[in-house]
C-alpha atoms as a PDB file:
ATOM      1  CA  MET A   1       0.000   0.000   0.000  1.00  0.00           C
ATOM      2  CA  GLU A   2       1.389   3.365  -1.029  1.00  0.00           C
ATOM      3  CA  LYS A   3       1.710   5.933   1.738  1.00  0.00           C
ATOM      4  CA  THR A   4       0.747   9.503   0.993  1.00  0.00           C
ATOM      5  CA  LYS A   5       3.017  12.206   2.280  1.00  0.00           C
ATOM      6  CA  PRO A   6       1.512  14.805   4.590  1.00  0.00           C
ATOM      7  CA  ILE A   7       0.862  18.090   2.856  1.00  0.00           C
ATOM      8  CA  LYS A   8       3.213  20.891   3.850  1.00  0.00           C
ATOM      9  CA  ARG A   9       0.903  23.753   4.770  1.00  0.00           C
ATOM     10  CA  SER A  10       1.719  27.415   4.707  1.00  0.00           C
ATOM     11  CA  ALA A  11       1.490  28.992   8.173  1.00  0.00           C
ATOM     12  CA  ALA A  12      -1.451  31.013   6.815  1.00  0.00           C
ATOM     13  CA  ILE A  13      -3.440  27.849   6.188  1.00  0.00           C
ATOM     14  CA  ALA A  14      -1.996  25.554   8.874  1.00  0.00           C
ATOM     15  CA  GLU A  15      -4.099  27.179  11.608  1.00  0.00           C
ATOM     16  CA  PHE A  16      -7.276  26.287   9.714  1.00  0.00           C
ATOM     17  CA  SER A  17      -6.004  22.733   9.174  1.00  0.00           C
ATOM     18  CA  ARG A  18      -5.379  22.415  12.939  1.00  0.00           C
ATOM     19  CA  ASP A  19      -8.959  23.522  13.542  1.00  0.00           C
ATOM     20  CA  HIS A  20     -10.080  20.776  11.174  1.00  0.00           C
ATOM     21  CA  HIS A  21      -8.491  18.176  13.442  1.00  0.00           C
ATOM     22  CA  PHE A  22     -10.826  19.301  16.233  1.00  0.00           C
ATOM     23  CA  VAL A  23     -13.795  19.438  13.853  1.00  0.00           C
ATOM     24  CA  LEU A  24     -13.110  15.812  12.923  1.00  0.00           C
ATOM     25  CA  LEU A  25     -13.029  15.049  16.647  1.00  0.00           C
ATOM     26  CA  LEU A  26     -16.462  16.710  16.975  1.00  0.00           C
ATOM     27  CA  ILE A  27     -17.746  14.463  14.180  1.00  0.00           C
ATOM     28  CA  TRP A  28     -16.335  11.410  15.936  1.00  0.00           C
ATOM     29  CA  LYS A  29     -18.031  12.449  19.198  1.00  0.00           C
ATOM     30  CA  ILE A  30     -21.389  12.851  17.446  1.00  0.00           C
ATOM     31  CA  ARG A  31     -21.063   9.416  15.859  1.00  0.00           C
ATOM     32  CA  GLU A  32     -19.959   7.801  19.122  1.00  0.00           C
ATOM     33  CA  GLY A  33     -22.903   9.354  20.935  1.00  0.00           C
ATOM     34  CA  LEU A  34     -25.318   8.079  18.299  1.00  0.00           C
ATOM     35  CA  LYS A  35     -23.720   4.626  18.320  1.00  0.00           C
ATOM     36  CA  LYS A  36     -24.065   4.467  22.111  1.00  0.00           C
ATOM     37  CA  THR A  37     -27.735   5.566  21.797  1.00  0.00           C
ATOM     38  CA  ILE A  38     -27.175   8.723  23.840  1.00  0.00           C
ATOM     39  CA  GLU A  39     -30.171  11.062  23.845  1.00  0.00           C
ATOM     40  CA  ALA A  40     -29.999  13.288  20.774  1.00  0.00           C
ATOM     41  CA  GLU A  41     -30.693  16.381  22.900  1.00  0.00           C
ATOM     42  CA  ARG A  42     -27.449  15.873  24.829  1.00  0.00           C
ATOM     43  CA  ILE A  43     -25.463  15.529  21.623  1.00  0.00           C
ATOM     44  CA  SER A  44     -27.240  18.500  20.025  1.00  0.00           C
ATOM     45  CA  LYS A  45     -26.516  20.676  23.033  1.00  0.00           C
ATOM     46  CA  TYR A  46     -22.803  20.011  22.599  1.00  0.00           C
ATOM     47  CA  VAL A  47     -22.943  20.495  18.812  1.00  0.00           C
ATOM     48  CA  LEU A  48     -24.681  23.860  19.187  1.00  0.00           C
ATOM     49  CA  HIS A  49     -22.198  24.954  21.837  1.00  0.00           C
ATOM     50  CA  TYR A  50     -19.247  23.876  19.701  1.00  0.00           C
ATOM     51  CA  PHE A  51     -20.697  25.603  16.663  1.00  0.00           C
ATOM     52  CA  GLU A  52     -21.112  28.917  18.488  1.00  0.00           C
ATOM     53  CA  THR A  53     -17.738  28.887  20.228  1.00  0.00           C
ATOM     54  CA  GLU A  54     -15.458  27.185  17.706  1.00  0.00           C
ATOM     55  CA  LEU A  55     -16.932  26.429  14.310  1.00  0.00           C
ATOM     56  CA  MET A  56     -18.662  29.715  13.520  1.00  0.00           C
ATOM     57  CA  PRO A  57     -15.500  31.761  14.227  1.00  0.00           C
ATOM     58  CA  HIS A  58     -13.542  29.246  12.126  1.00  0.00           C
ATOM     59  CA  PHE A  59     -15.967  29.677   9.206  1.00  0.00           C
ATOM     60  CA  LYS A  60     -15.817  33.466   9.468  1.00  0.00           C
ATOM     61  CA  GLY A  61     -12.019  33.338   9.458  1.00  0.00           C
ATOM     62  CA  GLU A  62     -11.958  31.144   6.377  1.00  0.00           C
ATOM     63  CA  GLU A  63     -14.422  33.390   4.578  1.00  0.00           C
ATOM     64  CA  GLU A  64     -12.662  36.648   5.483  1.00  0.00           C
ATOM     65  CA  LEU A  65      -9.033  35.576   5.248  1.00  0.00           C
ATOM     66  CA  LEU A  66      -8.978  32.765   2.682  1.00  0.00           C
ATOM     67  CA  TYR A  67     -12.015  32.659   0.408  1.00  0.00           C
ATOM     68  CA  SER A  68     -11.834  36.407  -0.164  1.00  0.00           C
ATOM     69  CA  LYS A  69      -8.403  35.941  -1.787  1.00  0.00           C
ATOM     70  CA  ILE A  70      -9.866  34.146  -4.803  1.00  0.00           C
ATOM     71  CA  HIS A  71     -12.373  35.399  -7.321  1.00  0.00           C
ATOM     72  CA  SER A  72     -16.038  35.143  -6.322  1.00  0.00           C
ATOM     73  CA  ASP A  73     -16.858  33.039  -9.390  1.00  0.00           C
ATOM     74  CA  ASN A  74     -14.169  30.431  -8.645  1.00  0.00           C
ATOM     75  CA  LYS A  75     -15.885  27.020  -8.475  1.00  0.00           C
ATOM     76  CA  LEU A  76     -13.966  25.952  -5.350  1.00  0.00           C
ATOM     77  CA  ARG A  77     -14.891  29.163  -3.529  1.00  0.00           C
ATOM     78  CA  ILE A  78     -18.523  28.781  -4.586  1.00  0.00           C
ATOM     79  CA  GLN A  79     -18.581  25.181  -3.330  1.00  0.00           C
ATOM     80  CA  ALA A  80     -16.990  26.133   0.002  1.00  0.00           C
ATOM     81  CA  GLU A  81     -19.414  29.005   0.555  1.00  0.00           C
ATOM     82  CA  GLU A  82     -22.401  26.830  -0.373  1.00  0.00           C
ATOM     83  CA  GLU A  83     -21.257  24.139   2.031  1.00  0.00           C
ATOM     84  CA  HIS A  84     -20.953  26.726   4.807  1.00  0.00           C
ATOM     85  CA  LYS A  85     -24.543  27.816   4.077  1.00  0.00           C
ATOM     86  CA  THR A  86     -25.704  24.194   4.210  1.00  0.00           C
ATOM     87  CA  ILE A  87     -23.994  23.699   7.571  1.00  0.00           C
ATOM     88  CA  TYR A  88     -25.532  26.916   8.947  1.00  0.00           C
ATOM     89  CA  LYS A  89     -28.946  25.626   7.807  1.00  0.00           C
ATOM     90  CA  LEU A  90     -28.370  22.282   9.518  1.00  0.00           C
ATOM     91  CA  ILE A  91     -27.476  24.114  12.735  1.00  0.00           C
ATOM     92  CA  SER A  92     -30.639  26.184  12.419  1.00  0.00           C
ATOM     93  CA  ASP A  93     -32.648  22.975  11.966  1.00  0.00           C
ATOM     94  CA  LEU A  94     -30.900  21.397  14.953  1.00  0.00           C
ATOM     95  CA  LYS A  95     -31.893  24.362  17.142  1.00  0.00           C
ATOM     96  CA  ILE A  96     -35.515  23.730  16.177  1.00  0.00           C
ATOM     97  CA  ASN A  97     -35.373  19.947  16.474  1.00  0.00           C
ATOM     98  CA  PRO A  98     -32.537  18.857  18.788  1.00  0.00           C
ATOM     99  CA  SER A  99     -34.005  15.366  19.234  1.00  0.00           C
ATOM    100  CA  ASP A 100     -33.608  14.412  15.554  1.00  0.00           C
ATOM    101  CA  LYS A 101     -30.875  11.756  15.365  1.00  0.00           C
ATOM    102  CA  SER A 102     -30.945  11.655  11.559  1.00  0.00           C
ATOM    103  CA  LEU A 103     -30.303  15.404  11.532  1.00  0.00           C
ATOM    104  CA  LEU A 104     -27.267  14.894  13.770  1.00  0.00           C
ATOM    105  CA  GLN A 105     -26.008  12.153  11.444  1.00  0.00           C
ATOM    106  CA  ASN A 106     -26.583  14.379   8.408  1.00  0.00           C
ATOM    107  CA  PHE A 107     -24.738  17.235  10.123  1.00  0.00           C
ATOM    108  CA  ALA A 108     -21.743  14.978  10.909  1.00  0.00           C
ATOM    109  CA  ASP A 109     -21.633  13.588   7.359  1.00  0.00           C
ATOM    110  CA  THR A 110     -21.965  17.026   5.742  1.00  0.00           C
ATOM    111  CA  LEU A 111     -19.325  18.550   7.995  1.00  0.00           C
ATOM    112  CA  GLU A 112     -16.886  15.711   7.329  1.00  0.00           C
ATOM    113  CA  LYS A 113     -17.375  16.014   3.567  1.00  0.00           C
ATOM    114  CA  HIS A 114     -16.727  19.760   3.834  1.00  0.00           C
ATOM    115  CA  VAL A 115     -13.528  19.370   5.878  1.00  0.00           C
ATOM    116  CA  ARG A 116     -12.201  16.730   3.460  1.00  0.00           C
ATOM    117  CA  PHE A 117     -12.984  19.006   0.487  1.00  0.00           C
ATOM    118  CA  GLU A 118     -11.154  21.924   2.059  1.00  0.00           C
ATOM    119  CA  GLU A 119      -8.126  19.848   3.048  1.00  0.00           C
ATOM    120  CA  ARG A 120      -7.790  17.910  -0.209  1.00  0.00           C
ATOM    121  CA  GLN A 121      -8.807  20.522  -2.763  1.00  0.00           C
ATOM    122  CA  LEU A 122      -9.474  24.072  -1.628  1.00  0.00           C
ATOM    123  CA  PHE A 123      -6.478  24.565   0.665  1.00  0.00           C
ATOM    124  CA  ASN A 124      -4.112  23.111  -1.925  1.00  0.00           C
ATOM    125  CA  PHE A 125      -5.539  25.476  -4.542  1.00  0.00           C
ATOM    126  CA  LEU A 126      -5.265  28.455  -2.206  1.00  0.00           C
ATOM    127  CA  GLN A 127      -1.705  27.627  -1.253  1.00  0.00           C
ATOM    128  CA  ASP A 128      -0.730  27.335  -4.925  1.00  0.00           C
ATOM    129  CA  ASN A 129      -2.579  30.466  -6.049  1.00  0.00           C
ATOM    130  CA  ILE A 130      -2.136  33.038  -3.287  1.00  0.00           C
ATOM    131  CA  SER A 131       1.107  34.980  -3.371  1.00  0.00           C
ATOM    132  CA  GLU A 132       3.656  34.517  -0.601  1.00  0.00           C
ATOM    133  CA  THR A 133       3.073  38.154   0.358  1.00  0.00           C
ATOM    134  CA  GLU A 134      -0.663  37.535   0.789  1.00  0.00           C
ATOM    135  CA  LEU A 135      -0.034  34.288   2.674  1.00  0.00           C
ATOM    136  CA  SER A 136       2.264  36.214   5.043  1.00  0.00           C
ATOM    137  CA  LYS A 137      -0.451  38.830   5.595  1.00  0.00           C
ATOM    138  CA  ILE A 138      -2.985  36.107   6.369  1.00  0.00           C
ATOM    139  CA  ALA A 139      -0.584  34.457   8.832  1.00  0.00           C
ATOM    140  CA  ALA A 140      -0.004  37.823  10.538  1.00  0.00           C
ATOM    141  CA  ALA A 141      -3.757  38.467  10.750  1.00  0.00           C
ATOM    142  CA  LEU A 142      -4.250  35.055  12.358  1.00  0.00           C
ATOM    143  CA  GLN A 143      -1.543  35.751  14.938  1.00  0.00           C
ATOM    144  CA  ALA A 144      -3.120  39.104  15.761  1.00  0.00           C
ATOM    145  CA  ARG A 145      -6.502  37.553  16.506  1.00  0.00           C
ATOM    146  CA  GLU A 146      -7.309  37.015  20.132  1.00  0.00           C
ATOM    147  CA  HIS A 147      -7.958  33.421  21.054  1.00  0.00           C
ATOM    148  CA  GLU A 148     -10.473  32.962  23.803  1.00  0.00           C
ATOM    149  CA  GLU A 149      -9.953  30.340  26.426  1.00  0.00           C
ATOM    150  CA  GLU A 150     -11.484  27.086  25.280  1.00  0.00           C
ATOM    151  CA  SER A 151     -14.645  26.489  27.207  1.00  0.00           C
ATOM    152  CA  VAL A 152     -14.851  23.379  29.313  1.00  0.00           C
ATOM    153  CA  TRP A 153     -17.577  20.913  28.419  1.00  0.00           C
ATOM    154  CA  THR A 154     -18.367  18.494  31.223  1.00  0.00           C
ATOM    155  CA  ASP A 155     -20.898  16.155  29.550  1.00  0.00           C
ATOM    156  CA  ALA A 156     -18.652  13.598  27.842  1.00  0.00           C
ATOM    157  CA  PHE A 157     -21.614  11.797  26.239  1.00  0.00           C
ATOM    158  CA  TRP A 158     -19.317  10.173  23.642  1.00  0.00           C
ATOM    159  CA  ILE A 159     -17.862   7.977  26.400  1.00  0.00           C
ATOM    160  CA  GLY A 160     -21.320   6.644  27.151  1.00  0.00           C
ATOM    161  CA  GLY A 161     -23.560   6.562  30.159  1.00  0.00           C
ATOM    162  CA  LYS A 162     -24.978   9.472  32.101  1.00  0.00           C
END
């Protein structure tokens, strides 16, 4: 089996890739909770919290710092922005119906597909098509942003039980 080499990310994009690691962990937690038949409301509560505190700021950063660097009619940018809209809609639906397990599964699947698209296609395109000067400006803007303390979540539903 052929091993693929890890992609060397520009510092401007590496921060977003690190975020994706934690997004994939969120997806795993959702799936574990569903597999362990945890009440959907408990899982939804965590998903909504994570979205507000972590994912929404991540999306805004991508949109402002990365997507804006490529033309608005670029097919990869259009896909990324449409996927963000779909995820926002799923979150809106989850707020209305937090007990819907199929909605949670759909959210996890959609989010995973989006992260894989960004990592395998969009970020590579951006890295190859944004000038080093612009990448440096993006990296500096990321460093200048204040990072809030990560909130502590005490309901580890993905482990199972109460």
